[in-house]
Amino acid sequence: PEILRSKMSSVVLTLKKLNIDDLVHFDFLDPPAPETLMRALELLNYHGALDDEGDMTDIGYKMAEMPLDPQLAKLMLASPEYGCSNEVLSVVACLSVPGIFMRPKDQAKAADDAKAQFATQDSDHCTLLNAYNAYLDSGCSSQWCWDNYINHRSISQAGNVRQQLEGIMRKLDLPLLSNPSHLPRYYTAVKQALTAAMFMQVAYRQRNGGYLTIKDNQAVGLHPSTDVKGKPEWVMYEEFVLTSKNYIRTCTVTNVDWLVSVAPHYYDLSNFPECEAKAEIEAAYRRLAKRAVSK
């Protein structure tokens, strides 16, 4: 089961790092479907880890140094550009451990109220960041965790993971930067860094109020556990959850101008499927061109 749970993109990146290029004939214990292999190669190419010939790039070697899914590794590499590598370290550490928020059935209301004090209405990732910072402010108190429905084991594990990831960032000479927490830029920078790494995991709100994932055109809804409110137009997501309905979980609001700026190669209109989002993307490219001219 663990083999089946592994993300193919992580496996491919590891094999490429080991100079194993013939992935089709590689002796996998449980061979993946050719389509799964192709999608993994495509993802790594879009993220700049592999070039068009399928060879590892400098970014790919750096990503392979991190014991993370490629998108999270890309997020770590992108974060210094937005001056928020310290904040991103905390977010990635919290995503790398079992859920830090507890919600016992018989105390659901109290747990929801406790979580609400950390919530940001446009980003579950920033909610994790707020909770982690509050945990540090408490002196890493287990009593504080108990009072606030935070899983002490998970969040202390996140602290250990963060320490290890910080060591890797230092080893790769990536600067550890922060924005002042009282400025709006504090959260905006984190959302921009997330956009630079999660541009392939985006959903767009349709006229009917539902969401459609970009390119795959899967109808989805925001997971009930999300703190994202107000049905924003563009949402990035960490997980696609299949239950009786399709849900996207751990979401953050983004905007189309950011998306086309960081990933014009992915939002290439010449091979973009027809959908309601396409007109928005075309308008964003026009705005981008106008701004370039006015500069």
C-alpha atoms as a PDB file:
ATOM      1  CA  PRO A   1       0.000   0.000   0.000  1.00  0.00           C
ATOM      2  CA  GLU A   2       2.840   2.453   0.764  1.00  0.00           C
ATOM      3  CA  ILE A   3       4.170   1.990  -2.796  1.00  0.00           C
ATOM      4  CA  LEU A   4       0.733   2.816  -4.203  1.00  0.00           C
ATOM      5  CA  ARG A   5       0.476   5.874  -1.935  1.00  0.00           C
ATOM      6  CA  SER A   6       3.820   7.313  -3.087  1.00  0.00           C
ATOM      7  CA  LYS A   7       3.598  10.299  -5.416  1.00  0.00           C
ATOM      8  CA  MET A   8       4.974   9.268  -8.780  1.00  0.00           C
ATOM      9  CA  SER A   9       6.633  12.656  -9.319  1.00  0.00           C
ATOM     10  CA  SER A  10       8.762  12.131  -6.163  1.00  0.00           C
ATOM     11  CA  VAL A  11       9.752   8.645  -7.321  1.00  0.00           C
ATOM     12  CA  VAL A  12      10.690   9.897 -10.814  1.00  0.00           C
ATOM     13  CA  LEU A  13      12.772  12.746  -9.373  1.00  0.00           C
ATOM     14  CA  THR A  14      14.669  10.306  -7.135  1.00  0.00           C
ATOM     15  CA  LEU A  15      15.328   7.925 -10.057  1.00  0.00           C
ATOM     16  CA  LYS A  16      16.516  10.810 -12.243  1.00  0.00           C
ATOM     17  CA  LYS A  17      18.871  11.909  -9.471  1.00  0.00           C
ATOM     18  CA  LEU A  18      20.307   8.370  -9.505  1.00  0.00           C
ATOM     19  CA  ASN A  19      20.901   8.724 -13.292  1.00  0.00           C
ATOM     20  CA  ILE A  20      18.216   6.169 -14.149  1.00  0.00           C
ATOM     21  CA  ASP A  21      16.809   7.540 -17.402  1.00  0.00           C
ATOM     22  CA  ASP A  22      14.974   4.561 -18.899  1.00  0.00           C
ATOM     23  CA  LEU A  23      11.935   4.793 -16.629  1.00  0.00           C
ATOM     24  CA  VAL A  24       9.673   2.795 -18.964  1.00  0.00           C
ATOM     25  CA  HIS A  25      11.788  -0.367 -18.550  1.00  0.00           C
ATOM     26  CA  PHE A  26      12.790   0.230 -14.925  1.00  0.00           C
ATOM     27  CA  ASP A  27      12.050  -2.796 -12.734  1.00  0.00           C
ATOM     28  CA  PHE A  28       9.384  -1.248 -10.455  1.00  0.00           C
ATOM     29  CA  LEU A  29       7.962  -3.536  -7.757  1.00  0.00           C
ATOM     30  CA  ASP A  30       4.554  -2.357  -8.898  1.00  0.00           C
ATOM     31  CA  PRO A  31       4.858  -0.696 -12.331  1.00  0.00           C
ATOM     32  CA  PRO A  32       2.826   2.514 -12.702  1.00  0.00           C
ATOM     33  CA  ALA A  33       0.462   3.075 -15.613  1.00  0.00           C
ATOM     34  CA  PRO A  34       2.233   4.812 -18.541  1.00  0.00           C
ATOM     35  CA  GLU A  35      -0.167   7.764 -18.176  1.00  0.00           C
ATOM     36  CA  THR A  36       0.837   8.182 -14.495  1.00  0.00           C
ATOM     37  CA  LEU A  37       4.504   8.199 -15.495  1.00  0.00           C
ATOM     38  CA  MET A  38       3.871  10.765 -18.233  1.00  0.00           C
ATOM     39  CA  ARG A  39       1.966  13.042 -15.856  1.00  0.00           C
ATOM     40  CA  ALA A  40       4.819  12.866 -13.333  1.00  0.00           C
ATOM     41  CA  LEU A  41       7.368  13.829 -16.019  1.00  0.00           C
ATOM     42  CA  GLU A  42       5.083  16.638 -17.203  1.00  0.00           C
ATOM     43  CA  LEU A  43       4.712  17.992 -13.640  1.00  0.00           C
ATOM     44  CA  LEU A  44       8.485  17.970 -13.096  1.00  0.00           C
ATOM     45  CA  ASN A  45       8.999  19.717 -16.440  1.00  0.00           C
ATOM     46  CA  TYR A  46       6.453  22.433 -15.633  1.00  0.00           C
ATOM     47  CA  HIS A  47       8.174  22.993 -12.272  1.00  0.00           C
ATOM     48  CA  GLY A  48      11.568  23.347 -13.957  1.00  0.00           C
ATOM     49  CA  ALA A  49      13.040  20.190 -12.359  1.00  0.00           C
ATOM     50  CA  LEU A  50      13.501  18.513 -15.773  1.00  0.00           C
ATOM     51  CA  ASP A  51      14.309  20.208 -19.063  1.00  0.00           C
ATOM     52  CA  ASP A  52      12.495  19.448 -22.331  1.00  0.00           C
ATOM     53  CA  GLU A  53      14.898  16.550 -22.992  1.00  0.00           C
ATOM     54  CA  GLY A  54      13.952  14.994 -19.650  1.00  0.00           C
ATOM     55  CA  ASP A  55      17.318  15.773 -17.987  1.00  0.00           C
ATOM     56  CA  MET A  56      17.675  17.117 -14.450  1.00  0.00           C
ATOM     57  CA  THR A  57      18.155  20.874 -14.093  1.00  0.00           C
ATOM     58  CA  ASP A  58      19.843  22.775 -11.245  1.00  0.00           C
ATOM     59  CA  ILE A  59      16.387  23.361  -9.765  1.00  0.00           C
ATOM     60  CA  GLY A  60      15.705  19.616 -10.044  1.00  0.00           C
ATOM     61  CA  TYR A  61      18.886  18.727  -8.118  1.00  0.00           C
ATOM     62  CA  LYS A  62      17.928  21.200  -5.377  1.00  0.00           C
ATOM     63  CA  MET A  63      14.391  19.806  -5.223  1.00  0.00           C
ATOM     64  CA  ALA A  64      15.785  16.270  -4.970  1.00  0.00           C
ATOM     65  CA  GLU A  65      17.773  17.322  -1.865  1.00  0.00           C
ATOM     66  CA  MET A  66      14.508  17.902  -0.009  1.00  0.00           C
ATOM     67  CA  PRO A  67      12.557  14.941   1.434  1.00  0.00           C
ATOM     68  CA  LEU A  68       9.308  16.496   0.168  1.00  0.00           C
ATOM     69  CA  ASP A  69       6.802  16.229  -2.658  1.00  0.00           C
ATOM     70  CA  PRO A  70       8.095  18.226  -5.647  1.00  0.00           C
ATOM     71  CA  GLN A  71       5.479  20.993  -5.241  1.00  0.00           C
ATOM     72  CA  LEU A  72       6.485  21.561  -1.607  1.00  0.00           C
ATOM     73  CA  ALA A  73      10.177  21.481  -2.561  1.00  0.00           C
ATOM     74  CA  LYS A  74       9.445  24.093  -5.259  1.00  0.00           C
ATOM     75  CA  LEU A  75       7.583  26.170  -2.653  1.00  0.00           C
ATOM     76  CA  MET A  76      10.686  26.150  -0.439  1.00  0.00           C
ATOM     77  CA  LEU A  77      12.908  27.190  -3.361  1.00  0.00           C
ATOM     78  CA  ALA A  78      10.515  29.974  -4.434  1.00  0.00           C
ATOM     79  CA  SER A  79       9.988  31.436  -0.954  1.00  0.00           C
ATOM     80  CA  PRO A  80      13.171  33.614  -0.693  1.00  0.00           C
ATOM     81  CA  GLU A  81      12.081  35.493  -3.833  1.00  0.00           C
ATOM     82  CA  TYR A  82       9.005  36.691  -1.901  1.00  0.00           C
ATOM     83  CA  GLY A  83      10.910  37.295   1.345  1.00  0.00           C
ATOM     84  CA  CYS A  84       8.945  34.674   3.279  1.00  0.00           C
ATOM     85  CA  SER A  85      11.173  31.585   3.570  1.00  0.00           C
ATOM     86  CA  ASN A  86      10.752  31.422   7.369  1.00  0.00           C
ATOM     87  CA  GLU A  87       6.963  31.478   7.085  1.00  0.00           C
ATOM     88  CA  VAL A  88       6.972  28.889   4.293  1.00  0.00           C
ATOM     89  CA  LEU A  89       9.209  26.604   6.381  1.00  0.00           C
ATOM     90  CA  SER A  90       6.551  26.599   9.119  1.00  0.00           C
ATOM     91  CA  VAL A  91       3.717  25.948   6.652  1.00  0.00           C
ATOM     92  CA  VAL A  92       5.565  23.075   4.918  1.00  0.00           C
ATOM     93  CA  ALA A  93       6.481  21.532   8.290  1.00  0.00           C
ATOM     94  CA  CYS A  94       2.794  21.571   9.351  1.00  0.00           C
ATOM     95  CA  LEU A  95       1.752  20.008   6.019  1.00  0.00           C
ATOM     96  CA  SER A  96       4.350  17.245   6.492  1.00  0.00           C
ATOM     97  CA  VAL A  97       2.842  15.844   9.719  1.00  0.00           C
ATOM     98  CA  PRO A  98      -0.584  14.421  10.626  1.00  0.00           C
ATOM     99  CA  GLY A  99      -3.233  17.159  11.007  1.00  0.00           C
ATOM    100  CA  ILE A 100      -2.466  19.582  13.827  1.00  0.00           C
ATOM    101  CA  PHE A 101      -6.112  20.514  14.502  1.00  0.00           C
ATOM    102  CA  MET A 102      -8.224  18.163  16.623  1.00  0.00           C
ATOM    103  CA  ARG A 103     -12.024  18.059  16.327  1.00  0.00           C
ATOM    104  CA  PRO A 104     -13.584  15.515  18.705  1.00  0.00           C
ATOM    105  CA  LYS A 105     -17.193  14.798  17.662  1.00  0.00           C
ATOM    106  CA  ASP A 106     -18.589  15.580  21.104  1.00  0.00           C
ATOM    107  CA  GLN A 107     -16.672  18.896  21.272  1.00  0.00           C
ATOM    108  CA  ALA A 108     -16.916  20.003  17.637  1.00  0.00           C
ATOM    109  CA  LYS A 109     -18.269  23.503  18.452  1.00  0.00           C
ATOM    110  CA  ALA A 110     -15.511  24.242  21.006  1.00  0.00           C
ATOM    111  CA  ALA A 111     -12.845  22.899  18.582  1.00  0.00           C
ATOM    112  CA  ASP A 112     -14.207  25.058  15.735  1.00  0.00           C
ATOM    113  CA  ASP A 113     -14.209  28.132  17.992  1.00  0.00           C
ATOM    114  CA  ALA A 114     -10.599  27.418  19.007  1.00  0.00           C
ATOM    115  CA  LYS A 115      -9.526  27.038  15.377  1.00  0.00           C
ATOM    116  CA  ALA A 116     -11.330  30.259  14.417  1.00  0.00           C
ATOM    117  CA  GLN A 117      -8.843  32.324  16.451  1.00  0.00           C
ATOM    118  CA  PHE A 118      -6.070  31.246  14.043  1.00  0.00           C
ATOM    119  CA  ALA A 119      -8.145  31.366  10.858  1.00  0.00           C
ATOM    120  CA  THR A 120      -7.440  33.630   7.902  1.00  0.00           C
ATOM    121  CA  GLN A 121     -10.460  33.804   5.621  1.00  0.00           C
ATOM    122  CA  ASP A 122      -8.542  33.332   2.399  1.00  0.00           C
ATOM    123  CA  SER A 123      -5.901  30.731   3.262  1.00  0.00           C
ATOM    124  CA  ASP A 124      -5.828  27.428   5.131  1.00  0.00           C
ATOM    125  CA  HIS A 125      -2.034  27.514   4.756  1.00  0.00           C
ATOM    126  CA  CYS A 126      -1.883  30.836   6.637  1.00  0.00           C
ATOM    127  CA  THR A 127      -4.187  29.373   9.308  1.00  0.00           C
ATOM    128  CA  LEU A 128      -1.548  26.666   9.858  1.00  0.00           C
ATOM    129  CA  LEU A 129       1.127  29.364  10.046  1.00  0.00           C
ATOM    130  CA  ASN A 130      -0.853  31.325  12.666  1.00  0.00           C
ATOM    131  CA  ALA A 131      -1.410  28.203  14.775  1.00  0.00           C
ATOM    132  CA  TYR A 132       2.289  27.266  14.623  1.00  0.00           C
ATOM    133  CA  ASN A 133       3.373  30.798  15.592  1.00  0.00           C
ATOM    134  CA  ALA A 134       0.896  30.829  18.500  1.00  0.00           C
ATOM    135  CA  TYR A 135       2.298  27.460  19.644  1.00  0.00           C
ATOM    136  CA  LEU A 136       5.817  28.943  19.675  1.00  0.00           C
ATOM    137  CA  ASP A 137       4.517  32.015  21.575  1.00  0.00           C
ATOM    138  CA  SER A 138       3.076  29.678  24.209  1.00  0.00           C
ATOM    139  CA  GLY A 139       6.574  28.286  24.819  1.00  0.00           C
ATOM    140  CA  CYS A 140       5.562  25.043  23.027  1.00  0.00           C
ATOM    141  CA  SER A 141       3.192  24.313  25.935  1.00  0.00           C
ATOM    142  CA  SER A 142       1.303  21.007  25.898  1.00  0.00           C
ATOM    143  CA  GLN A 143      -1.379  22.581  28.130  1.00  0.00           C
ATOM    144  CA  TRP A 144      -1.865  25.364  25.568  1.00  0.00           C
ATOM    145  CA  CYS A 145      -2.285  22.704  22.854  1.00  0.00           C
ATOM    146  CA  TRP A 146      -4.889  20.884  24.986  1.00  0.00           C
ATOM    147  CA  ASP A 147      -6.824  24.120  25.638  1.00  0.00           C
ATOM    148  CA  ASN A 148      -6.792  25.062  21.935  1.00  0.00           C
ATOM    149  CA  TYR A 149      -7.556  21.646  20.406  1.00  0.00           C
ATOM    150  CA  ILE A 150      -4.115  21.369  18.850  1.00  0.00           C
ATOM    151  CA  ASN A 151      -2.544  17.922  18.542  1.00  0.00           C
ATOM    152  CA  HIS A 152       0.625  18.337  20.637  1.00  0.00           C
ATOM    153  CA  ARG A 153       2.380  15.329  19.131  1.00  0.00           C
ATOM    154  CA  SER A 154       1.775  16.540  15.555  1.00  0.00           C
ATOM    155  CA  ILE A 155       2.797  20.157  16.134  1.00  0.00           C
ATOM    156  CA  SER A 156       5.947  19.238  18.087  1.00  0.00           C
ATOM    157  CA  GLN A 157       6.800  16.839  15.241  1.00  0.00           C
ATOM    158  CA  ALA A 158       6.304  19.787  12.858  1.00  0.00           C
ATOM    159  CA  GLY A 159       8.930  21.662  14.911  1.00  0.00           C
ATOM    160  CA  ASN A 160      11.425  18.841  14.335  1.00  0.00           C
ATOM    161  CA  VAL A 161      10.629  18.694  10.613  1.00  0.00           C
ATOM    162  CA  ARG A 162      11.041  22.469  10.371  1.00  0.00           C
ATOM    163  CA  GLN A 163      14.483  22.244  11.977  1.00  0.00           C
ATOM    164  CA  GLN A 164      15.596  19.606   9.449  1.00  0.00           C
ATOM    165  CA  LEU A 165      14.229  21.594   6.496  1.00  0.00           C
ATOM    166  CA  GLU A 166      15.932  24.739   7.751  1.00  0.00           C
ATOM    167  CA  GLY A 167      19.224  22.816   7.765  1.00  0.00           C
ATOM    168  CA  ILE A 168      18.648  21.794   4.128  1.00  0.00           C
ATOM    169  CA  MET A 169      17.891  25.408   3.147  1.00  0.00           C
ATOM    170  CA  ARG A 170      21.132  26.573   4.773  1.00  0.00           C
ATOM    171  CA  LYS A 171      23.023  23.802   2.973  1.00  0.00           C
ATOM    172  CA  LEU A 172      21.549  24.992  -0.351  1.00  0.00           C
ATOM    173  CA  ASP A 173      22.462  28.622   0.512  1.00  0.00           C
ATOM    174  CA  LEU A 174      18.818  29.712   0.463  1.00  0.00           C
ATOM    175  CA  PRO A 175      18.327  32.868   2.578  1.00  0.00           C
ATOM    176  CA  LEU A 176      15.959  32.648   5.567  1.00  0.00           C
ATOM    177  CA  LEU A 177      13.783  35.750   5.263  1.00  0.00           C
ATOM    178  CA  SER A 178      10.631  37.108   6.908  1.00  0.00           C
ATOM    179  CA  ASN A 179       8.190  39.941   6.285  1.00  0.00           C
ATOM    180  CA  PRO A 180       7.010  42.004   9.295  1.00  0.00           C
ATOM    181  CA  SER A 181       3.982  40.159  10.702  1.00  0.00           C
ATOM    182  CA  HIS A 182       1.936  43.369  11.202  1.00  0.00           C
ATOM    183  CA  LEU A 183       1.966  44.218   7.479  1.00  0.00           C
ATOM    184  CA  PRO A 184      -0.539  42.829   4.909  1.00  0.00           C
ATOM    185  CA  ARG A 185       2.523  41.748   2.886  1.00  0.00           C
ATOM    186  CA  TYR A 186       3.153  39.041   5.533  1.00  0.00           C
ATOM    187  CA  TYR A 187       0.289  36.887   4.202  1.00  0.00           C
ATOM    188  CA  THR A 188       0.376  38.148   0.595  1.00  0.00           C
ATOM    189  CA  ALA A 189       3.990  36.976   0.184  1.00  0.00           C
ATOM    190  CA  VAL A 190       3.104  33.478   1.441  1.00  0.00           C
ATOM    191  CA  LYS A 191       0.167  33.304  -1.007  1.00  0.00           C
ATOM    192  CA  GLN A 192       2.401  34.438  -3.888  1.00  0.00           C
ATOM    193  CA  ALA A 193       5.026  31.813  -3.016  1.00  0.00           C
ATOM    194  CA  LEU A 194       2.268  29.176  -2.860  1.00  0.00           C
ATOM    195  CA  THR A 195       1.080  30.298  -6.312  1.00  0.00           C
ATOM    196  CA  ALA A 196       4.612  29.834  -7.705  1.00  0.00           C
ATOM    197  CA  ALA A 197       4.552  26.197  -6.532  1.00  0.00           C
ATOM    198  CA  MET A 198       0.884  25.163  -6.786  1.00  0.00           C
ATOM    199  CA  PHE A 199      -0.103  26.682 -10.127  1.00  0.00           C
ATOM    200  CA  MET A 200      -1.091  23.220 -11.413  1.00  0.00           C
ATOM    201  CA  GLN A 201      -3.491  22.617  -8.511  1.00  0.00           C
ATOM    202  CA  VAL A 202      -5.997  25.376  -9.115  1.00  0.00           C
ATOM    203  CA  ALA A 203      -9.781  25.525  -9.388  1.00  0.00           C
ATOM    204  CA  TYR A 204     -11.922  28.278 -10.918  1.00  0.00           C
ATOM    205  CA  ARG A 205     -15.417  29.265  -9.774  1.00  0.00           C
ATOM    206  CA  GLN A 206     -18.062  28.727 -12.453  1.00  0.00           C
ATOM    207  CA  ARG A 207     -21.118  30.909 -13.070  1.00  0.00           C
ATOM    208  CA  ASN A 208     -23.220  28.242 -11.324  1.00  0.00           C
ATOM    209  CA  GLY A 209     -21.172  28.713  -8.136  1.00  0.00           C
ATOM    210  CA  GLY A 210     -19.359  25.355  -8.336  1.00  0.00           C
ATOM    211  CA  TYR A 211     -15.640  24.938  -9.001  1.00  0.00           C
ATOM    212  CA  LEU A 212     -13.849  23.306 -11.923  1.00  0.00           C
ATOM    213  CA  THR A 213     -10.208  22.234 -11.712  1.00  0.00           C
ATOM    214  CA  ILE A 214      -7.953  23.882 -14.309  1.00  0.00           C
ATOM    215  CA  LYS A 215      -7.172  21.750 -17.407  1.00  0.00           C
ATOM    216  CA  ASP A 216      -8.651  18.517 -15.927  1.00  0.00           C
ATOM    217  CA  ASN A 217     -12.110  20.137 -15.744  1.00  0.00           C
ATOM    218  CA  GLN A 218     -13.181  18.130 -12.685  1.00  0.00           C
ATOM    219  CA  ALA A 219     -16.211  19.516 -10.839  1.00  0.00           C
ATOM    220  CA  VAL A 220     -15.241  20.006  -7.178  1.00  0.00           C
ATOM    221  CA  GLY A 221     -16.409  21.741  -4.013  1.00  0.00           C
ATOM    222  CA  LEU A 222     -14.418  23.364  -1.211  1.00  0.00           C
ATOM    223  CA  HIS A 223     -14.016  20.879   1.653  1.00  0.00           C
ATOM    224  CA  PRO A 224     -16.244  21.679   4.679  1.00  0.00           C
ATOM    225  CA  SER A 225     -13.121  21.959   6.875  1.00  0.00           C
ATOM    226  CA  THR A 226     -11.712  24.920   4.907  1.00  0.00           C
ATOM    227  CA  ASP A 227     -11.443  28.420   6.379  1.00  0.00           C
ATOM    228  CA  VAL A 228     -11.696  29.977   2.901  1.00  0.00           C
ATOM    229  CA  LYS A 229     -14.903  32.002   2.802  1.00  0.00           C
ATOM    230  CA  GLY A 230     -16.890  33.969   0.235  1.00  0.00           C
ATOM    231  CA  LYS A 231     -16.508  31.650  -2.789  1.00  0.00           C
ATOM    232  CA  PRO A 232     -13.410  33.315  -4.311  1.00  0.00           C
ATOM    233  CA  GLU A 233     -12.841  33.071  -8.071  1.00  0.00           C
ATOM    234  CA  TRP A 234      -9.458  31.305  -8.025  1.00  0.00           C
ATOM    235  CA  VAL A 235      -8.382  28.753  -5.395  1.00  0.00           C
ATOM    236  CA  MET A 236      -5.229  26.635  -5.033  1.00  0.00           C
ATOM    237  CA  TYR A 237      -5.535  23.323  -3.217  1.00  0.00           C
ATOM    238  CA  GLU A 238      -3.223  20.825  -1.548  1.00  0.00           C
ATOM    239  CA  GLU A 239      -5.385  17.709  -1.896  1.00  0.00           C
ATOM    240  CA  PHE A 240      -8.123  16.365  -4.144  1.00  0.00           C
ATOM    241  CA  VAL A 241     -10.426  14.278  -1.918  1.00  0.00           C
ATOM    242  CA  LEU A 242     -12.808  11.690  -3.356  1.00  0.00           C
ATOM    243  CA  THR A 243     -15.760  10.896  -1.095  1.00  0.00           C
ATOM    244  CA  SER A 244     -19.425  10.870  -2.107  1.00  0.00           C
ATOM    245  CA  LYS A 245     -18.513  14.250  -3.668  1.00  0.00           C
ATOM    246  CA  ASN A 246     -15.250  15.594  -5.109  1.00  0.00           C
ATOM    247  CA  TYR A 247     -13.652  18.024  -2.687  1.00  0.00           C
ATOM    248  CA  ILE A 248     -10.495  20.134  -2.649  1.00  0.00           C
ATOM    249  CA  ARG A 249      -8.849  20.471   0.764  1.00  0.00           C
ATOM    250  CA  THR A 250      -6.274  22.837   2.342  1.00  0.00           C
ATOM    251  CA  CYS A 251      -7.043  25.770   0.065  1.00  0.00           C
ATOM    252  CA  THR A 252      -5.638  29.254  -0.473  1.00  0.00           C
ATOM    253  CA  VAL A 253      -7.073  32.051  -2.594  1.00  0.00           C
ATOM    254  CA  THR A 254      -4.922  33.156  -5.521  1.00  0.00           C
ATOM    255  CA  ASN A 255      -5.539  35.451  -8.469  1.00  0.00           C
ATOM    256  CA  VAL A 256      -5.231  34.983 -12.193  1.00  0.00           C
ATOM    257  CA  ASP A 257      -2.623  37.761 -12.644  1.00  0.00           C
ATOM    258  CA  TRP A 258      -0.242  35.923 -10.300  1.00  0.00           C
ATOM    259  CA  LEU A 259      -0.888  32.625 -12.075  1.00  0.00           C
ATOM    260  CA  VAL A 260      -0.063  33.864 -15.573  1.00  0.00           C
ATOM    261  CA  SER A 261       2.990  35.754 -14.247  1.00  0.00           C
ATOM    262  CA  VAL A 262       4.594  32.742 -12.545  1.00  0.00           C
ATOM    263  CA  ALA A 263       3.500  30.026 -14.988  1.00  0.00           C
ATOM    264  CA  PRO A 264       2.945  31.357 -18.526  1.00  0.00           C
ATOM    265  CA  HIS A 265       4.252  27.996 -19.794  1.00  0.00           C
ATOM    266  CA  TYR A 266       1.359  26.204 -18.035  1.00  0.00           C
ATOM    267  CA  TYR A 267      -1.319  28.812 -18.784  1.00  0.00           C
ATOM    268  CA  ASP A 268      -0.405  28.826 -22.462  1.00  0.00           C
ATOM    269  CA  LEU A 269      -3.593  29.790 -24.321  1.00  0.00           C
ATOM    270  CA  SER A 270      -2.615  27.915 -27.485  1.00  0.00           C
ATOM    271  CA  ASN A 271      -3.130  24.550 -25.757  1.00  0.00           C
ATOM    272  CA  PHE A 272      -5.603  25.555 -23.041  1.00  0.00           C
ATOM    273  CA  PRO A 273      -8.950  23.714 -23.077  1.00  0.00           C
ATOM    274  CA  GLU A 274     -12.133  25.688 -23.700  1.00  0.00           C
ATOM    275  CA  CYS A 275     -13.714  26.640 -20.372  1.00  0.00           C
ATOM    276  CA  GLU A 276     -15.087  29.668 -18.524  1.00  0.00           C
ATOM    277  CA  ALA A 277     -11.643  30.344 -17.021  1.00  0.00           C
ATOM    278  CA  LYS A 278     -10.040  30.859 -20.458  1.00  0.00           C
ATOM    279  CA  ALA A 279     -11.562  34.320 -20.946  1.00  0.00           C
ATOM    280  CA  GLU A 280     -10.242  35.386 -17.516  1.00  0.00           C
ATOM    281  CA  ILE A 281      -6.757  34.136 -18.429  1.00  0.00           C
ATOM    282  CA  GLU A 282      -6.854  36.013 -21.762  1.00  0.00           C
ATOM    283  CA  ALA A 283      -7.821  39.221 -19.881  1.00  0.00           C
ATOM    284  CA  ALA A 284      -4.956  38.677 -17.413  1.00  0.00           C
ATOM    285  CA  TYR A 285      -2.434  38.411 -20.275  1.00  0.00           C
ATOM    286  CA  ARG A 286      -3.785  41.683 -21.719  1.00  0.00           C
ATOM    287  CA  ARG A 287      -3.345  43.394 -18.325  1.00  0.00           C
ATOM    288  CA  LEU A 288       0.173  41.973 -18.063  1.00  0.00           C
ATOM    289  CA  ALA A 289       1.089  43.280 -21.553  1.00  0.00           C
ATOM    290  CA  LYS A 290      -0.362  46.720 -20.701  1.00  0.00           C
ATOM    291  CA  ARG A 291       1.693  46.899 -17.499  1.00  0.00           C
ATOM    292  CA  ALA A 292       4.846  45.892 -19.406  1.00  0.00           C
ATOM    293  CA  VAL A 293       4.279  48.677 -21.943  1.00  0.00           C
ATOM    294  CA  SER A 294       3.601  51.329 -19.269  1.00  0.00           C
ATOM    295  CA  LYS A 295       6.921  50.419 -17.574  1.00  0.00           C
END
